[in-house]
Amino acid sequence: MSRNALSDTTKTSSSTLRRSRSRLLAGVFTLALAGGVVGGVVLPEIVTPAEAQLSTNQPASTFSFADIVEKVSPAVVSVKVKKDEDEVASNDDEPGMQNVPPQIERFMRRFGLGPNGQGGPDAGPRRGGPGHGRVVGQGSGFFISADGYVVTNNHVVDGASEVDVTLTDGKSYTAKVVGTDPRTDVALLKVDGKGDFPWVKLAETAPRVGDWVVAVGNPFGLGGTVTAGIVSARGRDIGSGPYDDFLQIDAPINRGNSGGPTFGLNGEVIGVNTAIVSPSGGNVGIAFAIPSETVSQVVEALKSGGQVARGYVGVQIQPVSDEVAEAMDLKDAQGALVAQVQPGTPGEKAGLKPGDIVTAIDGETIKDSREMSREIARKKPGVTVKLSVLRDGKSITVPVTLEQLPTDVASNDARKGADQEQNNRDVPRLGLSLAPAKGVAGAGDLGVVITEVDPNGPAAERGLKAGDVILDVAGKPVMKPSDVRDGLAAAKKDNRKAVLLRVKSEQGTRFVAISLGDNRG
């Protein structure tokens, strides 16, 4: 054997040895991923993102969202709205995002953006004198059909005098607002003049907690920005409206992402980004999206009539607290407690009474008052539903023929967090939810019963609890929640530093002083 041949053989052997060692290490690493025993330690089974969600031949080490992003991005648009300045009280994007750190502000100015993430060097391009200018705002949206229907948030286009959408290729089109639904914060736009827009599909099945998601949108007006994360939770109630049922995701969402889509790994839209929790003014990993199921229902209604027709019972309802359950000798604290029946409504016609507890709708169990509100709202006016009701310890069935939700109820601002089925009983300034005592079993005929207490509110700090009954405010008797609000407002108007509440509880009747400096509403 020649020296060169030996050298080649040695190189080959060394190369083979290195490959063998690599295969050995890879085998150990694969064992750790797939689950097994290494060094006497039992390893749990770990499934890679690619194995769990994405049909691909790529190894886990090269897992990427690039294929999905390339597929769906052309359907995502930037939404620019123009509003008359005197109609704009505040920026119409995610709350809690008013303050932008100086370094971020400098970064955005490089892109011609204002400190609030909108166009222009300041708050946005304005024309004319004070009070007569135009405010330009930015949001996101996405096509759901080739003929130009676009979904976004209601709060993005609310009050807009002009709406434009810009595609990823830079082309811009004027869009008209087909209809909006403030109660779910969904809006439907239409772009005319073309029939082959790229579009994406709304998912028909809900994602699981832990599923990977990809968000695409227009944060701070930058356009075409992609972030990724997982579904953190489902069924979130964030107090934005009576039908809250949000997905919580941890994909970074910021101002301008409102109305943009969140995708599953199959490229279908699982939700529409609408709000964030932001105590710092920036993304902290808690964002909320409207589920695709809700969006689909609203979009179909807006397409057909420009508005959403919802069923209406006409009762004030509240959760069944532990105290109420105990007072009524109930096994479980669930269902919706009827506090009051409005005269002339379907509820009165059907024979519902204060003190009734609705436990199911058409045989489907409901856990609380908000779930009842959502389920009734999903029904169409004219439909007869069968309510399973607990009355005086007995279970009965009450058929109710639903009517159209009245305009004066439907037009209220859903983003104030007031449940219209509960007739806006919340008193945010004290951190309390209230209901007339005479409508709550065991609370008596006088005063207003406390149904819920914010543990961080001023009322909780003064020792008020669910089940307590407020008899009077500043010496004046109260019979309904609005009486409490009026009493607080009157005391504040008189420049009083504190107001006395006379409260009845299990320990007896006492006065509770509430400092008006604690009034945080």
Protein backbone atom coordinates (compact mmCIF):
# COMPACT_ATOMS: atom_id res chain seq x y z
CA MET A 1 0.00 0.00 0.00
CA SER A 2 1.38 3.39 -0.98
CA ARG A 3 1.92 6.19 1.51
CA ASN A 4 -0.78 8.26 -0.24
CA ALA A 5 -3.23 5.36 -0.09
CA LEU A 6 -2.47 4.90 3.62
CA SER A 7 -2.95 8.59 4.21
CA ASP A 8 -6.29 8.42 2.44
CA THR A 9 -7.30 5.38 4.48
CA THR A 10 -6.30 7.14 7.71
CA LYS A 11 -8.32 10.19 6.76
CA THR A 12 -11.27 8.00 5.90
CA SER A 13 -11.03 6.16 9.21
CA SER A 14 -10.80 9.43 11.15
CA SER A 15 -13.72 10.82 9.23
CA THR A 16 -15.72 7.65 9.90
CA LEU A 17 -14.86 7.84 13.60
CA ARG A 18 -15.96 11.44 13.79
CA ARG A 19 -19.23 10.58 12.05
CA SER A 20 -19.74 7.66 14.43
CA ARG A 21 -19.15 9.91 17.43
CA SER A 22 -21.55 12.46 15.97
CA ARG A 23 -24.15 9.74 15.45
CA LEU A 24 -23.61 8.57 19.02
CA LEU A 25 -24.07 12.06 20.42
CA ALA A 26 -27.07 12.60 18.17
CA GLY A 27 -28.50 9.32 19.41
CA VAL A 28 -28.13 10.40 23.04
CA PHE A 29 -29.67 13.78 22.23
CA THR A 30 -32.54 12.11 20.38
CA LEU A 31 -33.09 9.83 23.35
CA ALA A 32 -33.33 12.87 25.60
CA LEU A 33 -35.93 14.43 23.32
CA ALA A 34 -37.99 11.34 22.76
CA GLY A 35 -37.96 10.19 26.37
CA GLY A 36 -35.85 7.44 27.87
CA VAL A 37 -33.18 6.67 30.46
CA VAL A 38 -29.82 8.42 30.44
CA GLY A 39 -27.40 7.80 33.30
CA GLY A 40 -30.15 6.18 35.35
CA VAL A 41 -32.41 9.26 35.01
CA VAL A 42 -35.83 8.79 33.46
CA LEU A 43 -36.47 11.57 30.95
CA PRO A 44 -40.01 12.72 30.10
CA GLU A 45 -41.26 12.54 26.57
CA ILE A 46 -40.82 15.88 24.81
CA VAL A 47 -42.48 16.55 21.49
CA THR A 48 -40.88 19.13 19.25
CA PRO A 49 -42.99 21.92 17.70
CA ALA A 50 -42.51 20.37 14.27
CA GLU A 51 -43.74 16.97 15.48
CA ALA A 52 -46.68 18.44 17.33
CA GLN A 53 -48.09 20.85 14.79
CA LEU A 54 -46.35 21.12 11.44
CA SER A 55 -46.23 18.49 8.72
CA THR A 56 -42.71 18.94 7.44
CA ASN A 57 -39.61 16.92 6.68
CA GLN A 58 -37.41 19.53 8.32
CA PRO A 59 -35.56 18.37 11.43
CA ALA A 60 -36.57 20.03 14.69
CA SER A 61 -33.30 21.95 14.78
CA THR A 62 -34.37 23.90 11.67
CA PHE A 63 -38.04 24.38 12.62
CA SER A 64 -39.21 27.70 11.25
CA PHE A 65 -42.40 29.72 10.86
CA ALA A 66 -41.14 31.03 7.51
CA ASP A 67 -43.35 28.81 5.33
CA ILE A 68 -46.48 29.85 7.20
CA VAL A 69 -45.54 33.53 7.16
CA GLU A 70 -44.82 33.41 3.42
CA LYS A 71 -48.22 31.82 2.87
CA VAL A 72 -50.40 34.16 4.94
CA SER A 73 -48.63 37.55 4.94
CA PRO A 74 -49.99 38.79 1.59
CA ALA A 75 -53.53 38.69 3.04
CA VAL A 76 -52.63 40.93 6.00
CA VAL A 77 -53.08 44.67 5.52
CA SER A 78 -52.25 47.90 7.31
CA VAL A 79 -55.36 49.94 8.05
CA LYS A 80 -55.03 53.72 8.06
CA VAL A 81 -57.96 55.78 9.29
CA LYS A 82 -58.62 59.51 9.22
CA LYS A 83 -60.85 61.09 11.81
CA ASP A 84 -62.01 64.58 12.57
CA GLU A 85 -59.92 65.74 15.52
CA ASP A 86 -62.91 67.04 17.49
CA GLU A 87 -64.43 63.54 17.40
CA VAL A 88 -61.36 61.89 18.89
CA ALA A 89 -61.16 61.86 22.69
CA SER A 90 -58.14 59.57 22.83
CA ASN A 91 -56.12 57.17 20.71
CA ASP A 92 -58.26 54.32 19.49
CA ASP A 93 -55.88 51.47 20.02
CA GLU A 94 -54.99 49.19 22.90
CA PRO A 95 -55.43 50.82 26.31
CA GLY A 96 -52.40 51.18 28.51
CA MET A 97 -50.12 52.10 25.62
CA GLN A 98 -50.08 55.87 25.99
CA ASN A 99 -46.47 56.26 27.10
CA VAL A 100 -43.62 55.27 24.82
CA PRO A 101 -40.02 55.12 26.13
CA PRO A 102 -37.77 57.86 24.64
CA GLN A 103 -35.47 55.37 22.91
CA ILE A 104 -38.44 53.75 21.17
CA GLU A 105 -39.77 57.19 20.24
CA ARG A 106 -36.44 58.06 18.60
CA PHE A 107 -36.51 54.72 16.76
CA MET A 108 -40.02 55.37 15.44
CA ARG A 109 -39.14 58.89 14.28
CA ARG A 110 -36.61 57.28 11.93
CA PHE A 111 -39.61 55.72 10.19
CA GLY A 112 -41.61 58.95 10.16
CA LEU A 113 -43.82 57.84 13.03
CA GLY A 114 -45.09 59.82 15.99
CA PRO A 115 -44.59 58.90 19.65
CA ASN A 116 -47.93 57.11 19.68
CA GLY A 117 -46.97 54.89 16.77
CA GLN A 118 -49.02 56.87 14.27
CA GLY A 119 -47.89 58.70 11.15
CA GLY A 120 -46.09 62.03 11.28
CA PRO A 121 -43.46 63.46 13.60
CA ASP A 122 -45.92 64.12 16.40
CA ALA A 123 -49.38 62.72 17.08
CA GLY A 124 -50.12 62.38 13.39
CA PRO A 125 -50.63 64.56 10.32
CA ARG A 126 -53.10 67.33 11.04
CA ARG A 127 -54.58 69.91 8.73
CA GLY A 128 -56.33 73.10 9.77
CA GLY A 129 -56.48 74.89 13.11
CA PRO A 130 -57.04 73.42 16.53
CA GLY A 131 -60.23 71.40 16.74
CA HIS A 132 -60.59 71.33 12.96
CA GLY A 133 -57.73 69.05 11.96
CA ARG A 134 -57.50 65.45 10.95
CA VAL A 135 -56.02 62.66 13.01
CA VAL A 136 -54.41 59.74 11.24
CA GLY A 137 -54.42 56.42 13.10
CA GLN A 138 -53.03 53.02 12.22
CA GLY A 139 -54.25 49.49 12.78
CA SER A 140 -54.22 46.11 11.10
CA GLY A 141 -56.65 43.86 9.23
CA PHE A 142 -56.84 40.92 6.85
CA PHE A 143 -58.74 39.78 3.76
CA ILE A 144 -61.21 36.94 4.28
CA SER A 145 -62.31 36.68 0.63
CA ALA A 146 -60.89 37.30 -2.82
CA ASP A 147 -63.57 39.92 -3.56
CA GLY A 148 -62.21 42.33 -0.95
CA TYR A 149 -63.85 41.80 2.44
CA VAL A 150 -61.50 42.82 5.26
CA VAL A 151 -61.83 42.13 8.99
CA THR A 152 -60.46 44.53 11.61
CA ASN A 153 -61.44 45.91 15.03
CA ASN A 154 -64.36 48.24 15.58
CA HIS A 155 -62.18 50.50 17.74
CA VAL A 156 -59.73 50.89 14.85
CA VAL A 157 -62.31 52.37 12.45
CA ASP A 158 -64.81 53.83 14.94
CA GLY A 159 -65.61 57.41 13.91
CA ALA A 160 -63.43 57.24 10.80
CA SER A 161 -64.21 59.62 7.95
CA GLU A 162 -61.87 57.76 5.61
CA VAL A 163 -60.32 54.28 5.68
CA ASP A 164 -57.44 53.04 3.52
CA VAL A 165 -55.80 49.61 3.47
CA THR A 166 -52.25 48.93 2.30
CA LEU A 167 -51.06 45.51 1.12
CA THR A 168 -47.60 44.04 1.60
CA ASP A 169 -46.71 45.00 -1.99
CA GLY A 170 -47.30 48.65 -1.12
CA LYS A 171 -50.55 49.09 -3.04
CA SER A 172 -53.24 51.07 -1.23
CA TYR A 173 -57.00 50.94 -1.64
CA THR A 174 -59.89 52.91 -0.19
CA ALA A 175 -62.21 50.77 1.91
CA LYS A 176 -65.77 51.36 3.04
CA VAL A 177 -67.11 50.24 6.39
CA VAL A 178 -69.78 47.59 5.77
CA GLY A 179 -70.72 47.32 9.43
CA THR A 180 -69.37 47.26 12.96
CA ASP A 181 -70.21 45.45 16.18
CA PRO A 182 -68.93 47.38 19.22
CA ARG A 183 -70.05 44.65 21.59
CA THR A 184 -67.48 42.19 20.18
CA ASP A 185 -65.14 44.86 18.73
CA VAL A 186 -65.36 43.45 15.20
CA ALA A 187 -65.65 45.54 12.02
CA LEU A 188 -66.07 44.48 8.39
CA LEU A 189 -64.63 46.54 5.53
CA LYS A 190 -64.98 46.19 1.74
CA VAL A 191 -62.45 47.06 -0.95
CA ASP A 192 -63.91 47.35 -4.44
CA GLY A 193 -62.32 47.24 -7.86
CA LYS A 194 -60.54 43.91 -7.76
CA GLY A 195 -61.58 40.29 -7.38
CA ASP A 196 -58.36 38.41 -6.73
CA PHE A 197 -57.11 39.69 -3.39
CA PRO A 198 -55.04 37.21 -1.35
CA TRP A 199 -57.14 35.97 1.56
CA VAL A 200 -57.05 33.67 4.55
CA LYS A 201 -59.60 31.40 6.18
CA LEU A 202 -61.14 31.74 9.63
CA ALA A 203 -60.56 28.55 11.61
CA GLU A 204 -63.61 26.43 12.40
CA THR A 205 -62.08 24.72 15.43
CA ALA A 206 -60.75 26.33 18.59
CA PRO A 207 -57.05 26.03 19.40
CA ARG A 208 -55.77 24.25 22.46
CA VAL A 209 -53.92 25.94 25.26
CA GLY A 210 -50.24 25.50 24.41
CA ASP A 211 -50.68 25.54 20.62
CA TRP A 212 -48.17 27.59 18.64
CA VAL A 213 -49.49 30.79 17.05
CA VAL A 214 -48.14 33.45 14.70
CA ALA A 215 -49.35 37.06 14.77
CA VAL A 216 -48.94 39.34 11.76
CA GLY A 217 -49.71 43.04 11.86
CA ASN A 218 -48.77 46.69 11.79
CA PRO A 219 -47.33 47.60 15.23
CA PHE A 220 -46.46 51.30 15.58
CA GLY A 221 -47.23 51.69 11.88
CA LEU A 222 -44.15 49.71 10.85
CA GLY A 223 -46.20 47.22 8.81
CA GLY A 224 -45.57 43.57 7.97
CA THR A 225 -44.32 42.55 11.41
CA VAL A 226 -44.41 38.90 12.49
CA THR A 227 -44.30 37.59 16.07
CA ALA A 228 -44.86 34.13 17.51
CA GLY A 229 -45.91 32.52 20.77
CA ILE A 230 -48.47 30.13 22.19
CA VAL A 231 -52.10 30.15 23.28
CA SER A 232 -51.79 30.96 27.00
CA ALA A 233 -55.45 30.57 27.97
CA ARG A 234 -58.99 30.50 26.61
CA GLY A 235 -62.29 32.01 27.71
CA ARG A 236 -60.78 35.16 29.21
CA ASP A 237 -63.13 37.86 30.51
CA ILE A 238 -61.25 41.18 30.46
CA GLY A 239 -64.23 43.42 31.19
CA SER A 240 -64.39 44.98 27.73
CA GLY A 241 -67.98 43.92 27.03
CA PRO A 242 -70.83 41.59 27.90
CA TYR A 243 -69.67 38.81 25.58
CA ASP A 244 -65.99 38.57 26.51
CA ASP A 245 -64.57 35.17 25.57
CA PHE A 246 -61.02 35.99 24.52
CA LEU A 247 -58.02 33.86 23.65
CA GLN A 248 -54.95 34.90 25.61
CA ILE A 249 -51.69 34.67 23.70
CA ASP A 250 -48.09 35.53 24.53
CA ALA A 251 -46.99 36.51 21.01
CA PRO A 252 -45.71 40.11 21.29
CA ILE A 253 -48.56 42.47 20.42
CA ASN A 254 -48.27 46.27 20.46
CA ARG A 255 -50.13 49.38 19.35
CA GLY A 256 -51.17 49.03 15.74
CA ASN A 257 -51.61 45.25 15.95
CA SER A 258 -55.30 45.82 16.69
CA GLY A 259 -57.46 44.11 14.09
CA GLY A 260 -54.63 41.91 12.87
CA PRO A 261 -54.82 38.12 12.68
CA THR A 262 -53.30 35.42 14.82
CA PHE A 263 -52.70 32.20 12.89
CA GLY A 264 -52.44 28.56 13.82
CA LEU A 265 -49.70 26.54 12.20
CA ASN A 266 -52.10 25.39 9.47
CA GLY A 267 -52.35 28.98 8.23
CA GLU A 268 -55.93 29.56 9.43
CA VAL A 269 -56.92 32.56 11.54
CA ILE A 270 -57.68 31.48 15.09
CA GLY A 271 -58.30 34.98 16.43
CA VAL A 272 -58.30 38.75 15.86
CA ASN A 273 -55.92 40.71 18.10
CA THR A 274 -57.78 43.36 20.05
CA ALA A 275 -56.22 44.23 23.43
CA ILE A 276 -53.16 43.92 25.62
CA VAL A 277 -52.32 44.18 29.30
CA SER A 278 -49.61 46.81 29.51
CA PRO A 279 -48.81 48.37 32.89
CA SER A 280 -45.43 49.47 31.53
CA GLY A 281 -46.63 50.93 28.23
CA GLY A 282 -45.05 48.13 26.19
CA ASN A 283 -45.61 44.48 25.47
CA VAL A 284 -45.45 42.26 28.55
CA GLY A 285 -46.54 39.00 26.93
CA ILE A 286 -50.27 39.18 27.68
CA ALA A 287 -52.46 39.83 24.65
CA PHE A 288 -56.05 39.00 23.82
CA ALA A 289 -57.67 37.90 20.57
CA ILE A 290 -61.32 37.49 19.58
CA PRO A 291 -61.88 33.79 18.74
CA SER A 292 -62.49 32.96 15.08
CA GLU A 293 -65.85 31.37 15.96
CA THR A 294 -67.14 34.71 17.26
CA VAL A 295 -65.64 36.59 14.32
CA SER A 296 -67.30 34.24 11.80
CA GLN A 297 -70.75 34.73 13.34
CA VAL A 298 -70.40 38.51 13.45
CA VAL A 299 -69.00 38.76 9.92
CA GLU A 300 -71.88 36.78 8.43
CA ALA A 301 -74.37 39.02 10.19
CA LEU A 302 -72.59 42.21 9.07
CA LYS A 303 -72.44 40.95 5.47
CA SER A 304 -76.16 40.26 5.34
CA GLY A 305 -77.50 43.32 7.14
CA GLY A 306 -74.75 45.59 8.35
CA GLN A 307 -75.56 44.84 11.98
CA VAL A 308 -75.79 41.92 14.37
CA ALA A 309 -79.25 40.76 15.51
CA ARG A 310 -79.11 39.30 19.01
CA GLY A 311 -81.64 37.55 21.17
CA TYR A 312 -83.00 39.33 24.25
CA VAL A 313 -84.68 38.05 27.40
CA GLY A 314 -85.01 41.29 29.36
CA VAL A 315 -83.73 40.30 32.78
CA GLN A 316 -81.00 41.60 35.05
CA ILE A 317 -78.79 38.71 36.08
CA GLN A 318 -75.81 38.21 38.33
CA PRO A 319 -73.41 35.42 39.28
CA VAL A 320 -74.39 32.99 42.02
CA SER A 321 -71.79 33.78 44.68
CA ASP A 322 -70.88 31.39 47.46
CA GLU A 323 -72.85 33.55 49.88
CA VAL A 324 -75.94 33.49 47.67
CA ALA A 325 -75.62 29.73 47.20
CA GLU A 326 -75.43 29.26 50.96
CA ALA A 327 -78.39 31.56 51.59
CA MET A 328 -80.48 29.67 49.05
CA ASP A 329 -79.27 26.27 50.26
CA LEU A 330 -77.70 25.39 46.90
CA LYS A 331 -75.15 22.64 46.43
CA ASP A 332 -73.10 24.53 43.83
CA ALA A 333 -72.45 28.23 43.26
CA GLN A 334 -73.19 28.28 39.54
CA GLY A 335 -75.86 29.51 37.17
CA ALA A 336 -77.34 32.97 36.60
CA LEU A 337 -79.44 34.56 39.35
CA VAL A 338 -82.34 36.69 38.07
CA ALA A 339 -82.21 39.94 40.05
CA GLN A 340 -84.98 41.75 38.17
CA VAL A 341 -87.37 41.15 35.28
CA GLN A 342 -88.02 44.14 33.03
CA PRO A 343 -91.71 44.82 32.35
CA GLY A 344 -93.02 43.98 28.88
CA THR A 345 -90.02 41.82 27.99
CA PRO A 346 -89.86 38.17 26.87
CA GLY A 347 -88.77 37.24 30.38
CA GLU A 348 -91.85 38.71 31.98
CA LYS A 349 -94.13 37.18 29.35
CA ALA A 350 -92.58 33.77 30.02
CA GLY A 351 -93.10 34.09 33.78
CA LEU A 352 -89.52 34.49 35.00
CA LYS A 353 -89.28 35.89 38.52
CA PRO A 354 -86.62 37.56 40.68
CA GLY A 355 -84.78 34.86 42.60
CA ASP A 356 -84.96 32.34 39.76
CA ILE A 357 -81.64 30.69 38.96
CA VAL A 358 -81.10 29.77 35.31
CA THR A 359 -78.95 26.63 35.20
CA ALA A 360 -79.18 25.58 31.54
CA ILE A 361 -80.28 26.77 28.10
CA ASP A 362 -81.77 24.13 25.79
CA GLY A 363 -80.23 21.45 27.98
CA GLU A 364 -76.71 22.97 27.91
CA THR A 365 -75.45 23.83 31.39
CA ILE A 366 -74.34 27.42 32.02
CA LYS A 367 -71.84 28.22 34.73
CA ASP A 368 -72.51 31.90 35.34
CA SER A 369 -74.37 35.03 34.26
CA ARG A 370 -71.84 36.02 31.61
CA GLU A 371 -72.14 32.64 29.91
CA MET A 372 -75.91 33.06 29.87
CA SER A 373 -75.52 36.51 28.28
CA ARG A 374 -73.26 35.12 25.57
CA GLU A 375 -75.47 32.13 24.81
CA ILE A 376 -78.65 34.19 24.59
CA ALA A 377 -76.90 36.74 22.35
CA ARG A 378 -75.90 33.95 19.95
CA LYS A 379 -79.56 33.07 19.42
CA LYS A 380 -81.62 34.85 16.81
CA PRO A 381 -84.70 36.91 17.68
CA GLY A 382 -87.89 34.86 17.33
CA VAL A 383 -86.27 31.64 18.53
CA THR A 384 -87.83 29.91 21.53
CA VAL A 385 -85.33 28.65 24.09
CA LYS A 386 -85.98 26.38 27.04
CA LEU A 387 -84.49 27.70 30.26
CA SER A 388 -83.88 25.24 33.09
CA VAL A 389 -84.73 27.22 36.22
CA LEU A 390 -84.34 26.57 39.94
CA ARG A 391 -87.26 28.17 41.79
CA ASP A 392 -87.93 27.64 45.49
CA GLY A 393 -85.68 24.60 45.45
CA LYS A 394 -87.51 22.96 42.54
CA SER A 395 -86.32 22.56 38.95
CA ILE A 396 -88.72 23.77 36.24
CA THR A 397 -88.51 24.47 32.51
CA VAL A 398 -89.49 27.93 31.25
CA PRO A 399 -89.87 28.42 27.45
CA VAL A 400 -88.91 31.96 26.39
CA THR A 401 -89.40 33.37 22.90
CA LEU A 402 -86.53 35.79 22.33
CA GLU A 403 -86.93 39.25 20.88
CA GLN A 404 -84.49 41.63 19.21
CA LEU A 405 -82.08 43.31 21.61
CA PRO A 406 -83.45 46.89 21.86
CA THR A 407 -81.50 49.62 20.11
CA ASP A 408 -81.04 51.66 23.27
CA VAL A 409 -79.41 48.64 24.91
CA ALA A 410 -77.37 47.61 21.88
CA SER A 411 -75.98 51.10 21.30
CA ASN A 412 -74.26 51.34 24.69
CA ASP A 413 -70.48 51.29 24.59
CA ALA A 414 -69.53 47.66 25.12
CA ARG A 415 -65.91 48.53 25.81
CA LYS A 416 -66.85 50.15 29.10
CA GLY A 417 -67.12 46.65 30.50
CA ALA A 418 -70.81 46.96 31.41
CA ASP A 419 -72.82 43.78 31.01
CA GLN A 420 -76.07 44.96 29.44
CA GLU A 421 -77.96 41.94 30.76
CA GLN A 422 -76.94 43.17 34.20
CA ASN A 423 -78.04 46.74 33.39
CA ASN A 424 -74.61 48.20 34.11
CA ARG A 425 -74.65 47.41 37.83
CA ASP A 426 -70.90 47.73 38.28
CA VAL A 427 -69.63 50.60 40.43
CA PRO A 428 -65.96 50.84 39.42
CA ARG A 429 -65.19 53.78 41.68
CA LEU A 430 -65.63 51.59 44.76
CA GLY A 431 -64.57 48.31 43.22
CA LEU A 432 -68.03 46.82 43.73
CA SER A 433 -70.77 45.14 41.72
CA LEU A 434 -74.22 45.82 43.09
CA ALA A 435 -77.82 44.69 42.65
CA PRO A 436 -81.11 45.77 44.24
CA ALA A 437 -81.50 43.86 47.52
CA LYS A 438 -85.15 43.06 46.87
CA GLY A 439 -84.15 41.08 43.78
CA VAL A 440 -81.67 38.88 45.65
CA ALA A 441 -83.03 36.07 47.78
CA GLY A 442 -82.14 36.46 51.44
CA ALA A 443 -80.94 40.09 51.11
CA GLY A 444 -84.15 41.75 52.31
CA ASP A 445 -86.30 44.46 50.75
CA LEU A 446 -84.20 47.55 51.50
CA GLY A 447 -80.89 48.75 50.14
CA VAL A 448 -78.43 47.50 47.55
CA VAL A 449 -76.62 44.17 47.95
CA ILE A 450 -72.92 43.80 47.12
CA THR A 451 -72.51 40.89 44.72
CA GLU A 452 -68.78 41.16 43.94
CA VAL A 453 -65.81 43.01 45.46
CA ASP A 454 -62.58 43.95 43.72
CA PRO A 455 -59.91 42.76 46.21
CA ASN A 456 -57.70 45.71 45.20
CA GLY A 457 -60.45 48.35 45.38
CA PRO A 458 -61.12 50.93 48.12
CA ALA A 459 -64.27 49.12 49.29
CA ALA A 460 -62.31 45.94 50.00
CA GLU A 461 -59.79 47.97 51.96
CA ARG A 462 -62.66 49.14 54.19
CA GLY A 463 -63.78 45.57 54.84
CA LEU A 464 -66.86 45.45 52.60
CA LYS A 465 -67.71 41.95 51.39
CA ALA A 466 -70.03 40.23 48.94
CA GLY A 467 -73.39 39.78 50.64
CA ASP A 468 -73.22 43.05 52.59
CA VAL A 469 -76.16 45.41 52.02
CA ILE A 470 -75.67 49.17 51.60
CA LEU A 471 -78.69 50.85 53.23
CA ASP A 472 -77.83 54.50 52.66
CA VAL A 473 -75.14 56.80 51.29
CA ALA A 474 -74.49 60.11 53.03
CA GLY A 475 -77.70 59.68 55.01
CA LYS A 476 -79.91 59.06 51.99
CA PRO A 477 -81.56 55.63 51.50
CA VAL A 478 -80.54 53.70 48.39
CA MET A 479 -82.63 51.13 46.54
CA LYS A 480 -80.70 50.63 43.30
CA PRO A 481 -77.05 50.81 42.16
CA SER A 482 -77.54 54.19 40.49
CA ASP A 483 -78.54 55.63 43.88
CA VAL A 484 -75.10 54.70 45.22
CA ARG A 485 -73.36 56.36 42.28
CA ASP A 486 -75.51 59.47 42.63
CA GLY A 487 -74.72 59.70 46.33
CA LEU A 488 -70.98 59.48 45.69
CA ALA A 489 -71.18 62.05 42.89
CA ALA A 490 -73.15 64.47 45.07
CA ALA A 491 -70.65 64.16 47.92
CA LYS A 492 -67.76 64.79 45.57
CA LYS A 493 -69.53 67.79 44.06
CA ASP A 494 -69.90 69.22 47.56
CA ASN A 495 -66.11 68.87 47.98
CA ARG A 496 -66.52 66.39 50.81
CA LYS A 497 -63.40 64.39 51.61
CA ALA A 498 -65.29 61.28 52.66
CA VAL A 499 -68.77 59.80 52.60
CA LEU A 500 -70.47 57.52 55.10
CA LEU A 501 -72.15 54.31 54.02
CA ARG A 502 -74.53 52.54 56.38
CA VAL A 503 -73.97 48.84 55.81
CA LYS A 504 -75.78 45.76 57.06
CA SER A 505 -73.84 42.51 57.34
CA GLU A 506 -73.88 39.29 59.32
CA GLN A 507 -72.20 41.14 62.17
CA GLY A 508 -74.93 43.79 62.29
CA THR A 509 -75.35 47.33 60.94
CA ARG A 510 -72.41 49.75 60.88
CA PHE A 511 -71.13 52.91 59.23
CA VAL A 512 -68.24 52.68 56.81
CA ALA A 513 -66.30 55.79 55.83
CA ILE A 514 -65.09 55.86 52.25
CA SER A 515 -62.51 58.52 51.41
CA LEU A 516 -63.36 60.25 48.16
CA GLY A 517 -59.62 60.39 47.59
CA ASP A 518 -59.91 56.61 47.13
CA ASN A 519 -62.40 57.17 44.34
CA ARG A 520 -60.37 55.71 41.47
CA GLY A 521 -62.93 55.91 38.72
